[in-house]
Amino acid sequence: MPNGAMMDAPIRIFGDWGTSRLRLYLRQGKSVLDGRDGPGVGALTASPEATFLELIKPWREARPESALLCGMVGSRNGWVEAPYASCPAGPDELRARMVRFEADGLPVAIVPGLSCVNPLGGPDVLRGEETQIFGALAQHPDLKAGRHLLALPGTHTKWAVVEDGRLVTFLTAPVGELFALLRDHSTLAKAAAGDAQASAAGFALGLKRQAEAGPASLPHLLFETRSRQLLDGLPAADAMGFLSGLLIGADVAGAAAWFGDAAKVVLIGDPALTDLYAKALAARGVAALPLDGEAAVLAGLLALSREPTGEIHALA
């Protein structure tokens, strides 16, 4: 346990609780004292409250003063629903709309997600990514001035526009979900046996083919994942890389059509995924600033843990 001046800093529990994973942190000031993993909202075998209290039981002796959670824990399938805040929004709007309640005497707050009308004119939502975005702004204060384009690769990749420190709009592309569905439940991956990992060479080939034909040709290019295995002897690993390159290349090209080719895109997420998006952006001559998603969510939770400046929506 830290000593000296750090002893005066409050001890809090921060949590990123998504569909597939829960990650909890015991934090004092800027120091992470401990971390624990648990099941995501979609994999619970007990109630969210019971799961949470069991995981933090070893931390109760440290007397944490509160817990702050983000992600799908605030969905209608989570612990307590935290209704979406509307874009444009900044940290103050998120703090003001947090849902607050107690669990076994511990004050708990859940960060709301965000909704918008996206650049295609349709409704769009996100949960958890807002905390990473404002964490990135806390880590890099220069991003709080002017207009910036951010991408958060994942199961549902988010493209977000931040202007003067406020998230003004975003657009979702279920790239990771499409890749998993096509890999596991389509004929595209069945021409070659084995649970192959996507190769870098296959990814580069997918990017090249997508750039040649354009994003509108994606449905037709997808079948090449199978035909190249059957006729050209493309190895399974290269085929999976090819599929990934097609999907990510089309996503990057499509985003550029709506947001413009920015000089630089801030990438937030798992390093392996942000690296793939950085390569796709580089192929278009666009620079990337990759940021670790776990570090961003921690920075965002710390920034949002300040006292709210507006009305607080408490649990009824």
C-alpha atoms as a PDB file:
ATOM      1  CA  MET A   1       0.000   0.000   0.000  1.00  0.00           C
ATOM      2  CA  PRO A   2       1.481   3.417  -0.888  1.00  0.00           C
ATOM      3  CA  ASN A   3       2.563   5.660   1.958  1.00  0.00           C
ATOM      4  CA  GLY A   4       3.181   9.359   2.512  1.00  0.00           C
ATOM      5  CA  ALA A   5       1.061  11.800   0.563  1.00  0.00           C
ATOM      6  CA  MET A   6      -0.547   8.950  -1.367  1.00  0.00           C
ATOM      7  CA  MET A   7      -2.215   7.776   1.830  1.00  0.00           C
ATOM      8  CA  ASP A   8      -4.423  10.861   1.626  1.00  0.00           C
ATOM      9  CA  ALA A   9      -5.774   9.899  -1.800  1.00  0.00           C
ATOM     10  CA  PRO A  10      -9.086   8.027  -1.734  1.00  0.00           C
ATOM     11  CA  ILE A  11      -9.134   4.341  -2.574  1.00  0.00           C
ATOM     12  CA  ARG A  12     -11.665   3.529  -5.290  1.00  0.00           C
ATOM     13  CA  ILE A  13     -12.703   0.540  -7.352  1.00  0.00           C
ATOM     14  CA  PHE A  14     -12.792   1.068 -11.112  1.00  0.00           C
ATOM     15  CA  GLY A  15     -14.313  -1.456 -13.489  1.00  0.00           C
ATOM     16  CA  ASP A  16     -14.678  -2.079 -17.212  1.00  0.00           C
ATOM     17  CA  TRP A  17     -17.563  -4.569 -17.464  1.00  0.00           C
ATOM     18  CA  GLY A  18     -18.279  -5.627 -21.016  1.00  0.00           C
ATOM     19  CA  THR A  19     -20.247  -8.433 -22.609  1.00  0.00           C
ATOM     20  CA  SER A  20     -17.433 -10.988 -22.501  1.00  0.00           C
ATOM     21  CA  ARG A  21     -15.147  -9.777 -19.709  1.00  0.00           C
ATOM     22  CA  LEU A  22     -15.033  -7.906 -16.420  1.00  0.00           C
ATOM     23  CA  ARG A  23     -11.839  -6.205 -15.339  1.00  0.00           C
ATOM     24  CA  LEU A  24     -11.726  -4.582 -11.890  1.00  0.00           C
ATOM     25  CA  TYR A  25      -8.999  -2.330 -10.499  1.00  0.00           C
ATOM     26  CA  LEU A  26      -8.333  -1.225  -6.914  1.00  0.00           C
ATOM     27  CA  ARG A  27      -6.846   2.213  -7.277  1.00  0.00           C
ATOM     28  CA  GLN A  28      -5.443   4.929  -5.029  1.00  0.00           C
ATOM     29  CA  GLY A  29      -4.696   8.186  -6.778  1.00  0.00           C
ATOM     30  CA  LYS A  30      -2.719   7.302  -9.906  1.00  0.00           C
ATOM     31  CA  SER A  31      -1.594   3.935  -8.534  1.00  0.00           C
ATOM     32  CA  VAL A  32      -3.293   0.632  -9.324  1.00  0.00           C
ATOM     33  CA  LEU A  33      -3.013  -1.469  -6.160  1.00  0.00           C
ATOM     34  CA  ASP A  34      -4.591  -4.668  -7.498  1.00  0.00           C
ATOM     35  CA  GLY A  35      -6.681  -6.056 -10.341  1.00  0.00           C
ATOM     36  CA  ARG A  36      -9.183  -8.869 -10.738  1.00  0.00           C
ATOM     37  CA  ASP A  37     -10.901 -10.482 -13.726  1.00  0.00           C
ATOM     38  CA  GLY A  38     -14.429 -11.859 -13.861  1.00  0.00           C
ATOM     39  CA  PRO A  39     -17.155 -12.929 -16.291  1.00  0.00           C
ATOM     40  CA  GLY A  40     -18.708 -10.502 -18.707  1.00  0.00           C
ATOM     41  CA  VAL A  41     -22.360  -9.507 -18.601  1.00  0.00           C
ATOM     42  CA  GLY A  42     -23.142 -12.173 -21.192  1.00  0.00           C
ATOM     43  CA  ALA A  43     -21.476 -14.978 -19.218  1.00  0.00           C
ATOM     44  CA  LEU A  44     -22.800 -14.505 -15.680  1.00  0.00           C
ATOM     45  CA  THR A  45     -23.801 -17.523 -13.585  1.00  0.00           C
ATOM     46  CA  ALA A  46     -24.931 -15.351 -10.649  1.00  0.00           C
ATOM     47  CA  SER A  47     -26.465 -11.882 -10.383  1.00  0.00           C
ATOM     48  CA  PRO A  48     -24.224  -8.919 -11.265  1.00  0.00           C
ATOM     49  CA  GLU A  49     -24.358  -7.733  -7.653  1.00  0.00           C
ATOM     50  CA  ALA A  50     -23.359 -11.130  -6.233  1.00  0.00           C
ATOM     51  CA  THR A  51     -20.582 -11.501  -8.816  1.00  0.00           C
ATOM     52  CA  PHE A  52     -19.200  -8.046  -8.076  1.00  0.00           C
ATOM     53  CA  LEU A  53     -19.313  -8.396  -4.287  1.00  0.00           C
ATOM     54  CA  GLU A  54     -17.616 -11.796  -4.405  1.00  0.00           C
ATOM     55  CA  LEU A  55     -14.780 -10.453  -6.551  1.00  0.00           C
ATOM     56  CA  ILE A  56     -14.121  -7.406  -4.375  1.00  0.00           C
ATOM     57  CA  LYS A  57     -14.359  -9.288  -1.069  1.00  0.00           C
ATOM     58  CA  PRO A  58     -10.547  -9.309  -0.562  1.00  0.00           C
ATOM     59  CA  TRP A  59     -10.499  -5.526  -1.074  1.00  0.00           C
ATOM     60  CA  ARG A  60     -13.034  -4.560   1.569  1.00  0.00           C
ATOM     61  CA  GLU A  61     -10.320  -4.318   4.249  1.00  0.00           C
ATOM     62  CA  ALA A  62      -8.788  -1.469   2.240  1.00  0.00           C
ATOM     63  CA  ARG A  63     -12.080   0.428   2.772  1.00  0.00           C
ATOM     64  CA  PRO A  64     -12.674   1.661  -0.788  1.00  0.00           C
ATOM     65  CA  GLU A  65     -14.915   4.699  -0.703  1.00  0.00           C
ATOM     66  CA  SER A  66     -16.762   3.969  -3.971  1.00  0.00           C
ATOM     67  CA  ALA A  67     -16.868   2.008  -7.223  1.00  0.00           C
ATOM     68  CA  LEU A  68     -17.149   3.405 -10.741  1.00  0.00           C
ATOM     69  CA  LEU A  69     -18.067   1.041 -13.596  1.00  0.00           C
ATOM     70  CA  CYS A  70     -18.425   1.474 -17.351  1.00  0.00           C
ATOM     71  CA  GLY A  71     -19.487  -0.740 -20.239  1.00  0.00           C
ATOM     72  CA  MET A  72     -22.360  -3.150 -20.780  1.00  0.00           C
ATOM     73  CA  VAL A  73     -22.945  -3.323 -17.030  1.00  0.00           C
ATOM     74  CA  GLY A  74     -25.112  -0.244 -17.661  1.00  0.00           C
ATOM     75  CA  SER A  75     -27.189  -1.844 -20.429  1.00  0.00           C
ATOM     76  CA  ARG A  76     -30.723  -3.120 -19.879  1.00  0.00           C
ATOM     77  CA  ASN A  77     -29.181  -6.617 -19.688  1.00  0.00           C
ATOM     78  CA  GLY A  78     -26.601  -5.515 -17.124  1.00  0.00           C
ATOM     79  CA  TRP A  79     -26.736  -4.659 -13.438  1.00  0.00           C
ATOM     80  CA  VAL A  80     -28.644  -1.371 -13.556  1.00  0.00           C
ATOM     81  CA  GLU A  81     -29.565   0.416 -16.773  1.00  0.00           C
ATOM     82  CA  ALA A  82     -27.839   3.751 -17.264  1.00  0.00           C
ATOM     83  CA  PRO A  83     -29.795   5.468 -20.071  1.00  0.00           C
ATOM     84  CA  TYR A  84     -27.797   6.838 -22.995  1.00  0.00           C
ATOM     85  CA  ALA A  85     -26.699  10.464 -22.996  1.00  0.00           C
ATOM     86  CA  SER A  86     -27.050  12.247 -26.339  1.00  0.00           C
ATOM     87  CA  CYS A  87     -24.204  13.611 -28.442  1.00  0.00           C
ATOM     88  CA  PRO A  88     -22.602  16.062 -28.454  1.00  0.00           C
ATOM     89  CA  ALA A  89     -21.368  15.274 -24.964  1.00  0.00           C
ATOM     90  CA  GLY A  90     -18.347  15.754 -22.765  1.00  0.00           C
ATOM     91  CA  PRO A  91     -17.282  14.425 -19.357  1.00  0.00           C
ATOM     92  CA  ASP A  92     -19.684  16.752 -17.502  1.00  0.00           C
ATOM     93  CA  GLU A  93     -22.725  15.260 -19.276  1.00  0.00           C
ATOM     94  CA  LEU A  94     -21.551  11.743 -18.462  1.00  0.00           C
ATOM     95  CA  ARG A  95     -20.946  12.568 -14.802  1.00  0.00           C
ATOM     96  CA  ALA A  96     -24.348  14.204 -14.496  1.00  0.00           C
ATOM     97  CA  ARG A  97     -26.158  11.163 -15.912  1.00  0.00           C
ATOM     98  CA  MET A  98     -24.377   8.461 -13.944  1.00  0.00           C
ATOM     99  CA  VAL A  99     -26.700   6.044 -12.161  1.00  0.00           C
ATOM    100  CA  ARG A 100     -25.801   5.824  -8.463  1.00  0.00           C
ATOM    101  CA  PHE A 101     -26.784   3.217  -5.870  1.00  0.00           C
ATOM    102  CA  GLU A 102     -25.281   1.108  -3.080  1.00  0.00           C
ATOM    103  CA  ALA A 103     -24.160  -2.533  -3.020  1.00  0.00           C
ATOM    104  CA  ASP A 104     -23.682  -3.885   0.496  1.00  0.00           C
ATOM    105  CA  GLY A 105     -23.020  -0.347   1.719  1.00  0.00           C
ATOM    106  CA  LEU A 106     -20.530   0.515  -1.043  1.00  0.00           C
ATOM    107  CA  PRO A 107     -21.535   3.481  -3.255  1.00  0.00           C
ATOM    108  CA  VAL A 108     -21.545   2.389  -6.909  1.00  0.00           C
ATOM    109  CA  ALA A 109     -21.851   4.571 -10.008  1.00  0.00           C
ATOM    110  CA  ILE A 110     -22.314   3.411 -13.611  1.00  0.00           C
ATOM    111  CA  VAL A 111     -21.218   5.561 -16.556  1.00  0.00           C
ATOM    112  CA  PRO A 112     -23.967   5.995 -19.183  1.00  0.00           C
ATOM    113  CA  GLY A 113     -23.376   5.142 -22.817  1.00  0.00           C
ATOM    114  CA  LEU A 114     -23.865   7.620 -25.651  1.00  0.00           C
ATOM    115  CA  SER A 115     -26.302   7.823 -28.555  1.00  0.00           C
ATOM    116  CA  CYS A 116     -26.240   9.875 -31.747  1.00  0.00           C
ATOM    117  CA  VAL A 117     -27.578  10.201 -35.258  1.00  0.00           C
ATOM    118  CA  ASN A 118     -24.575   8.930 -37.185  1.00  0.00           C
ATOM    119  CA  PRO A 119     -23.197  10.361 -40.460  1.00  0.00           C
ATOM    120  CA  LEU A 120     -25.377   7.921 -42.420  1.00  0.00           C
ATOM    121  CA  GLY A 121     -28.481   9.436 -40.797  1.00  0.00           C
ATOM    122  CA  GLY A 122     -29.255   6.407 -38.620  1.00  0.00           C
ATOM    123  CA  PRO A 123     -29.368   5.876 -34.840  1.00  0.00           C
ATOM    124  CA  ASP A 124     -26.155   4.665 -33.219  1.00  0.00           C
ATOM    125  CA  VAL A 125     -25.073   3.762 -29.682  1.00  0.00           C
ATOM    126  CA  LEU A 126     -21.981   2.872 -27.713  1.00  0.00           C
ATOM    127  CA  ARG A 127     -21.126   1.795 -24.160  1.00  0.00           C
ATOM    128  CA  GLY A 128     -17.662   1.730 -22.665  1.00  0.00           C
ATOM    129  CA  GLU A 129     -15.955   3.410 -25.609  1.00  0.00           C
ATOM    130  CA  GLU A 130     -16.946   6.843 -24.280  1.00  0.00           C
ATOM    131  CA  THR A 131     -14.770   6.216 -21.224  1.00  0.00           C
ATOM    132  CA  GLN A 132     -11.820   5.191 -23.400  1.00  0.00           C
ATOM    133  CA  ILE A 133     -12.261   8.269 -25.585  1.00  0.00           C
ATOM    134  CA  PHE A 134     -12.255  10.704 -22.693  1.00  0.00           C
ATOM    135  CA  GLY A 135      -9.382   8.751 -21.178  1.00  0.00           C
ATOM    136  CA  ALA A 136      -7.414   9.331 -24.380  1.00  0.00           C
ATOM    137  CA  LEU A 137      -8.150  13.047 -24.093  1.00  0.00           C
ATOM    138  CA  ALA A 138      -6.948  13.008 -20.489  1.00  0.00           C
ATOM    139  CA  GLN A 139      -3.741  11.243 -21.565  1.00  0.00           C
ATOM    140  CA  HIS A 140      -3.189  13.622 -24.489  1.00  0.00           C
ATOM    141  CA  PRO A 141      -4.586  17.091 -23.619  1.00  0.00           C
ATOM    142  CA  ASP A 142      -3.743  18.376 -27.112  1.00  0.00           C
ATOM    143  CA  LEU A 143      -6.665  16.265 -28.358  1.00  0.00           C
ATOM    144  CA  LYS A 144      -9.043  18.512 -26.403  1.00  0.00           C
ATOM    145  CA  ALA A 145      -8.542  21.350 -28.903  1.00  0.00           C
ATOM    146  CA  GLY A 146      -9.818  21.238 -32.462  1.00  0.00           C
ATOM    147  CA  ARG A 147     -11.297  18.363 -34.440  1.00  0.00           C
ATOM    148  CA  HIS A 148      -9.938  14.815 -34.219  1.00  0.00           C
ATOM    149  CA  LEU A 149     -10.952  11.449 -35.674  1.00  0.00           C
ATOM    150  CA  LEU A 150     -10.657   8.400 -33.430  1.00  0.00           C
ATOM    151  CA  ALA A 151     -11.183   4.709 -34.147  1.00  0.00           C
ATOM    152  CA  LEU A 152     -11.760   2.013 -31.537  1.00  0.00           C
ATOM    153  CA  PRO A 153     -11.300  -1.368 -33.278  1.00  0.00           C
ATOM    154  CA  GLY A 154     -13.091  -4.371 -31.856  1.00  0.00           C
ATOM    155  CA  THR A 155     -16.147  -6.568 -32.189  1.00  0.00           C
ATOM    156  CA  HIS A 156     -18.047  -3.395 -33.052  1.00  0.00           C
ATOM    157  CA  THR A 157     -15.491  -0.878 -34.317  1.00  0.00           C
ATOM    158  CA  LYS A 158     -16.376   2.724 -33.513  1.00  0.00           C
ATOM    159  CA  TRP A 159     -15.306   5.758 -35.523  1.00  0.00           C
ATOM    160  CA  ALA A 160     -15.745   8.910 -33.443  1.00  0.00           C
ATOM    161  CA  VAL A 161     -15.321  12.630 -34.016  1.00  0.00           C
ATOM    162  CA  VAL A 162     -14.197  14.796 -31.103  1.00  0.00           C
ATOM    163  CA  GLU A 163     -14.372  18.578 -31.359  1.00  0.00           C
ATOM    164  CA  ASP A 164     -12.913  20.784 -28.624  1.00  0.00           C
ATOM    165  CA  GLY A 165     -13.071  17.972 -26.082  1.00  0.00           C
ATOM    166  CA  ARG A 166     -16.637  16.843 -26.833  1.00  0.00           C
ATOM    167  CA  LEU A 167     -17.744  13.727 -28.707  1.00  0.00           C
ATOM    168  CA  VAL A 168     -20.020  15.046 -31.448  1.00  0.00           C
ATOM    169  CA  THR A 169     -20.815  11.965 -33.550  1.00  0.00           C
ATOM    170  CA  PHE A 170     -19.740   8.386 -34.205  1.00  0.00           C
ATOM    171  CA  LEU A 171     -20.317   5.476 -36.567  1.00  0.00           C
ATOM    172  CA  THR A 172     -20.289   1.735 -35.820  1.00  0.00           C
ATOM    173  CA  ALA A 173     -18.979  -1.056 -38.062  1.00  0.00           C
ATOM    174  CA  PRO A 174     -19.327  -4.619 -36.679  1.00  0.00           C
ATOM    175  CA  VAL A 175     -16.025  -5.673 -38.275  1.00  0.00           C
ATOM    176  CA  GLY A 176     -14.874  -8.077 -35.570  1.00  0.00           C
ATOM    177  CA  GLU A 177     -18.286  -9.723 -35.402  1.00  0.00           C
ATOM    178  CA  LEU A 178     -18.409 -10.152 -39.182  1.00  0.00           C
ATOM    179  CA  PHE A 179     -14.931 -11.694 -39.218  1.00  0.00           C
ATOM    180  CA  ALA A 180     -15.842 -14.170 -36.473  1.00  0.00           C
ATOM    181  CA  LEU A 181     -19.131 -15.141 -38.147  1.00  0.00           C
ATOM    182  CA  LEU A 182     -17.533 -15.659 -41.549  1.00  0.00           C
ATOM    183  CA  ARG A 183     -14.576 -17.538 -40.060  1.00  0.00           C
ATOM    184  CA  ASP A 184     -16.648 -19.859 -37.876  1.00  0.00           C
ATOM    185  CA  HIS A 185     -20.007 -20.202 -39.603  1.00  0.00           C
ATOM    186  CA  SER A 186     -19.501 -19.768 -43.346  1.00  0.00           C
ATOM    187  CA  THR A 187     -18.053 -21.794 -46.201  1.00  0.00           C
ATOM    188  CA  LEU A 188     -15.315 -19.214 -46.755  1.00  0.00           C
ATOM    189  CA  ALA A 189     -12.942 -20.782 -44.235  1.00  0.00           C
ATOM    190  CA  LYS A 190     -13.783 -24.435 -44.890  1.00  0.00           C
ATOM    191  CA  ALA A 191     -11.766 -25.018 -48.039  1.00  0.00           C
ATOM    192  CA  ALA A 192      -8.647 -25.597 -45.921  1.00  0.00           C
ATOM    193  CA  ALA A 193      -8.503 -27.523 -42.656  1.00  0.00           C
ATOM    194  CA  GLY A 194      -7.188 -26.226 -39.375  1.00  0.00           C
ATOM    195  CA  ASP A 195      -7.821 -23.398 -36.942  1.00  0.00           C
ATOM    196  CA  ALA A 196      -5.357 -21.071 -38.656  1.00  0.00           C
ATOM    197  CA  GLN A 197      -4.390 -17.660 -37.326  1.00  0.00           C
ATOM    198  CA  ALA A 198      -4.556 -14.778 -39.793  1.00  0.00           C
ATOM    199  CA  SER A 199      -1.183 -14.164 -41.441  1.00  0.00           C
ATOM    200  CA  ALA A 200       0.438 -10.801 -42.155  1.00  0.00           C
ATOM    201  CA  ALA A 201       0.990 -11.777 -45.800  1.00  0.00           C
ATOM    202  CA  GLY A 202      -2.688 -12.641 -46.232  1.00  0.00           C
ATOM    203  CA  PHE A 203      -3.722  -9.390 -44.545  1.00  0.00           C
ATOM    204  CA  ALA A 204      -1.540  -7.355 -46.914  1.00  0.00           C
ATOM    205  CA  LEU A 205      -3.074  -9.170 -49.901  1.00  0.00           C
ATOM    206  CA  GLY A 206      -6.591  -8.441 -48.612  1.00  0.00           C
ATOM    207  CA  LEU A 207      -5.768  -4.746 -48.211  1.00  0.00           C
ATOM    208  CA  LYS A 208      -4.349  -4.656 -51.752  1.00  0.00           C
ATOM    209  CA  ARG A 209      -7.407  -6.315 -53.306  1.00  0.00           C
ATOM    210  CA  GLN A 210      -9.795  -4.044 -51.444  1.00  0.00           C
ATOM    211  CA  ALA A 211      -7.868  -0.946 -52.543  1.00  0.00           C
ATOM    212  CA  GLU A 212      -7.927  -2.134 -56.170  1.00  0.00           C
ATOM    213  CA  ALA A 213     -11.668  -2.859 -56.268  1.00  0.00           C
ATOM    214  CA  GLY A 214     -13.007  -0.338 -53.739  1.00  0.00           C
ATOM    215  CA  PRO A 215     -15.221  -0.848 -50.656  1.00  0.00           C
ATOM    216  CA  ALA A 216     -18.393  -1.265 -52.749  1.00  0.00           C
ATOM    217  CA  SER A 217     -16.958  -4.557 -54.053  1.00  0.00           C
ATOM    218  CA  LEU A 218     -16.621  -6.101 -50.593  1.00  0.00           C
ATOM    219  CA  PRO A 219     -19.490  -8.662 -50.974  1.00  0.00           C
ATOM    220  CA  HIS A 220     -17.907  -9.938 -54.196  1.00  0.00           C
ATOM    221  CA  LEU A 221     -14.331  -9.919 -52.910  1.00  0.00           C
ATOM    222  CA  LEU A 222     -15.297 -11.951 -49.853  1.00  0.00           C
ATOM    223  CA  PHE A 223     -15.794 -15.097 -51.935  1.00  0.00           C
ATOM    224  CA  GLU A 224     -12.154 -14.932 -52.996  1.00  0.00           C
ATOM    225  CA  THR A 225     -11.345 -16.088 -49.469  1.00  0.00           C
ATOM    226  CA  ARG A 226     -12.682 -19.483 -50.586  1.00  0.00           C
ATOM    227  CA  SER A 227     -11.830 -19.516 -54.292  1.00  0.00           C
ATOM    228  CA  ARG A 228      -8.185 -18.588 -53.689  1.00  0.00           C
ATOM    229  CA  GLN A 229      -7.860 -21.603 -51.395  1.00  0.00           C
ATOM    230  CA  LEU A 230      -9.507 -23.931 -53.930  1.00  0.00           C
ATOM    231  CA  LEU A 231      -7.763 -22.746 -57.092  1.00  0.00           C
ATOM    232  CA  ASP A 232      -4.582 -20.966 -55.983  1.00  0.00           C
ATOM    233  CA  GLY A 233      -3.715 -23.152 -53.007  1.00  0.00           C
ATOM    234  CA  LEU A 234      -3.872 -20.197 -50.615  1.00  0.00           C
ATOM    235  CA  PRO A 235      -2.944 -21.526 -47.156  1.00  0.00           C
ATOM    236  CA  ALA A 236      -5.585 -21.280 -44.417  1.00  0.00           C
ATOM    237  CA  ALA A 237      -3.582 -18.716 -42.433  1.00  0.00           C
ATOM    238  CA  ASP A 238      -3.225 -16.511 -45.496  1.00  0.00           C
ATOM    239  CA  ALA A 239      -6.930 -16.926 -46.254  1.00  0.00           C
ATOM    240  CA  MET A 240      -7.874 -15.713 -42.798  1.00  0.00           C
ATOM    241  CA  GLY A 241      -5.477 -12.795 -43.128  1.00  0.00           C
ATOM    242  CA  PHE A 242      -6.991 -12.040 -46.541  1.00  0.00           C
ATOM    243  CA  LEU A 243     -10.490 -11.989 -45.022  1.00  0.00           C
ATOM    244  CA  SER A 244      -9.323  -9.680 -42.243  1.00  0.00           C
ATOM    245  CA  GLY A 245      -7.612  -7.365 -44.726  1.00  0.00           C
ATOM    246  CA  LEU A 246     -10.736  -7.124 -46.869  1.00  0.00           C
ATOM    247  CA  LEU A 247     -12.969  -6.246 -43.913  1.00  0.00           C
ATOM    248  CA  ILE A 248     -10.616  -3.774 -42.227  1.00  0.00           C
ATOM    249  CA  GLY A 249      -9.597  -2.199 -45.531  1.00  0.00           C
ATOM    250  CA  ALA A 250     -13.247  -1.656 -46.466  1.00  0.00           C
ATOM    251  CA  ASP A 251     -14.002  -0.259 -43.009  1.00  0.00           C
ATOM    252  CA  VAL A 252     -11.150   2.269 -43.226  1.00  0.00           C
ATOM    253  CA  ALA A 253     -12.098   3.279 -46.778  1.00  0.00           C
ATOM    254  CA  GLY A 254     -15.760   3.603 -45.815  1.00  0.00           C
ATOM    255  CA  ALA A 255     -14.944   5.762 -42.815  1.00  0.00           C
ATOM    256  CA  ALA A 256     -12.841   8.037 -45.004  1.00  0.00           C
ATOM    257  CA  ALA A 257     -15.827   8.472 -47.319  1.00  0.00           C
ATOM    258  CA  TRP A 258     -17.888   9.841 -44.434  1.00  0.00           C
ATOM    259  CA  PHE A 259     -15.309  11.619 -42.260  1.00  0.00           C
ATOM    260  CA  GLY A 260     -12.658  12.523 -44.833  1.00  0.00           C
ATOM    261  CA  ASP A 261      -9.052  11.328 -44.915  1.00  0.00           C
ATOM    262  CA  ALA A 262      -7.730  12.823 -41.680  1.00  0.00           C
ATOM    263  CA  ALA A 263      -4.012  13.534 -41.417  1.00  0.00           C
ATOM    264  CA  LYS A 264      -3.939  11.346 -38.308  1.00  0.00           C
ATOM    265  CA  VAL A 265      -6.352   8.915 -36.653  1.00  0.00           C
ATOM    266  CA  VAL A 266      -6.175   8.120 -32.939  1.00  0.00           C
ATOM    267  CA  LEU A 267      -6.516   4.339 -32.483  1.00  0.00           C
ATOM    268  CA  ILE A 268      -7.667   3.027 -29.095  1.00  0.00           C
ATOM    269  CA  GLY A 269      -7.812  -0.652 -28.246  1.00  0.00           C
ATOM    270  CA  ASP A 270      -5.915  -3.914 -28.110  1.00  0.00           C
ATOM    271  CA  PRO A 271      -2.418  -3.406 -29.594  1.00  0.00           C
ATOM    272  CA  ALA A 272      -2.807  -6.318 -32.040  1.00  0.00           C
ATOM    273  CA  LEU A 273      -5.989  -4.790 -33.488  1.00  0.00           C
ATOM    274  CA  THR A 274      -4.765  -1.196 -33.539  1.00  0.00           C
ATOM    275  CA  ASP A 275      -1.672  -2.410 -35.410  1.00  0.00           C
ATOM    276  CA  LEU A 276      -3.872  -3.861 -38.183  1.00  0.00           C
ATOM    277  CA  TYR A 277      -5.836  -0.614 -38.473  1.00  0.00           C
ATOM    278  CA  ALA A 278      -2.586   1.388 -38.485  1.00  0.00           C
ATOM    279  CA  LYS A 279      -1.411  -0.683 -41.469  1.00  0.00           C
ATOM    280  CA  ALA A 280      -4.697  -0.111 -43.295  1.00  0.00           C
ATOM    281  CA  LEU A 281      -4.467   3.637 -42.621  1.00  0.00           C
ATOM    282  CA  ALA A 282      -0.822   3.742 -43.712  1.00  0.00           C
ATOM    283  CA  ALA A 283      -1.834   2.197 -47.029  1.00  0.00           C
ATOM    284  CA  ARG A 284      -3.976   5.312 -47.542  1.00  0.00           C
ATOM    285  CA  GLY A 285      -1.163   7.656 -46.442  1.00  0.00           C
ATOM    286  CA  VAL A 286      -2.796   8.381 -43.065  1.00  0.00           C
ATOM    287  CA  ALA A 287      -0.775   8.448 -39.834  1.00  0.00           C
ATOM    288  CA  ALA A 288      -1.986   6.724 -36.672  1.00  0.00           C
ATOM    289  CA  LEU A 289      -1.566   7.368 -32.959  1.00  0.00           C
ATOM    290  CA  PRO A 290      -2.133   3.983 -31.260  1.00  0.00           C
ATOM    291  CA  LEU A 291      -3.199   4.029 -27.595  1.00  0.00           C
ATOM    292  CA  ASP A 292      -3.637   1.027 -25.319  1.00  0.00           C
ATOM    293  CA  GLY A 293      -7.320   0.436 -24.591  1.00  0.00           C
ATOM    294  CA  GLU A 294      -6.824  -0.724 -20.998  1.00  0.00           C
ATOM    295  CA  ALA A 295      -4.736   2.333 -20.138  1.00  0.00           C
ATOM    296  CA  ALA A 296      -7.317   4.582 -21.825  1.00  0.00           C
ATOM    297  CA  VAL A 297     -10.250   3.146 -19.882  1.00  0.00           C
ATOM    298  CA  LEU A 298      -8.369   3.573 -16.597  1.00  0.00           C
ATOM    299  CA  ALA A 299      -7.538   7.173 -17.474  1.00  0.00           C
ATOM    300  CA  GLY A 300     -11.161   7.770 -18.426  1.00  0.00           C
ATOM    301  CA  LEU A 301     -12.551   6.321 -15.214  1.00  0.00           C
ATOM    302  CA  LEU A 302     -10.137   8.458 -13.211  1.00  0.00           C
ATOM    303  CA  ALA A 303     -11.182  11.580 -15.130  1.00  0.00           C
ATOM    304  CA  LEU A 304     -14.884  10.783 -14.703  1.00  0.00           C
ATOM    305  CA  SER A 305     -14.528  10.056 -10.982  1.00  0.00           C
ATOM    306  CA  ARG A 306     -14.455  13.779 -10.220  1.00  0.00           C
ATOM    307  CA  GLU A 307     -17.569  15.222  -8.610  1.00  0.00           C
ATOM    308  CA  PRO A 308     -20.348  15.944 -11.153  1.00  0.00           C
ATOM    309  CA  THR A 309     -21.224  19.521 -12.090  1.00  0.00           C
ATOM    310  CA  GLY A 310     -24.853  18.810 -12.992  1.00  0.00           C
ATOM    311  CA  GLU A 311     -27.893  16.888 -11.876  1.00  0.00           C
ATOM    312  CA  ILE A 312     -27.311  13.317 -10.689  1.00  0.00           C
ATOM    313  CA  HIS A 313     -29.675  10.574 -11.803  1.00  0.00           C
ATOM    314  CA  ALA A 314     -29.945   8.228  -8.807  1.00  0.00           C
ATOM    315  CA  LEU A 315     -31.336   4.711  -8.737  1.00  0.00           C
ATOM    316  CA  ALA A 316     -35.010   4.811  -7.731  1.00  0.00           C
END
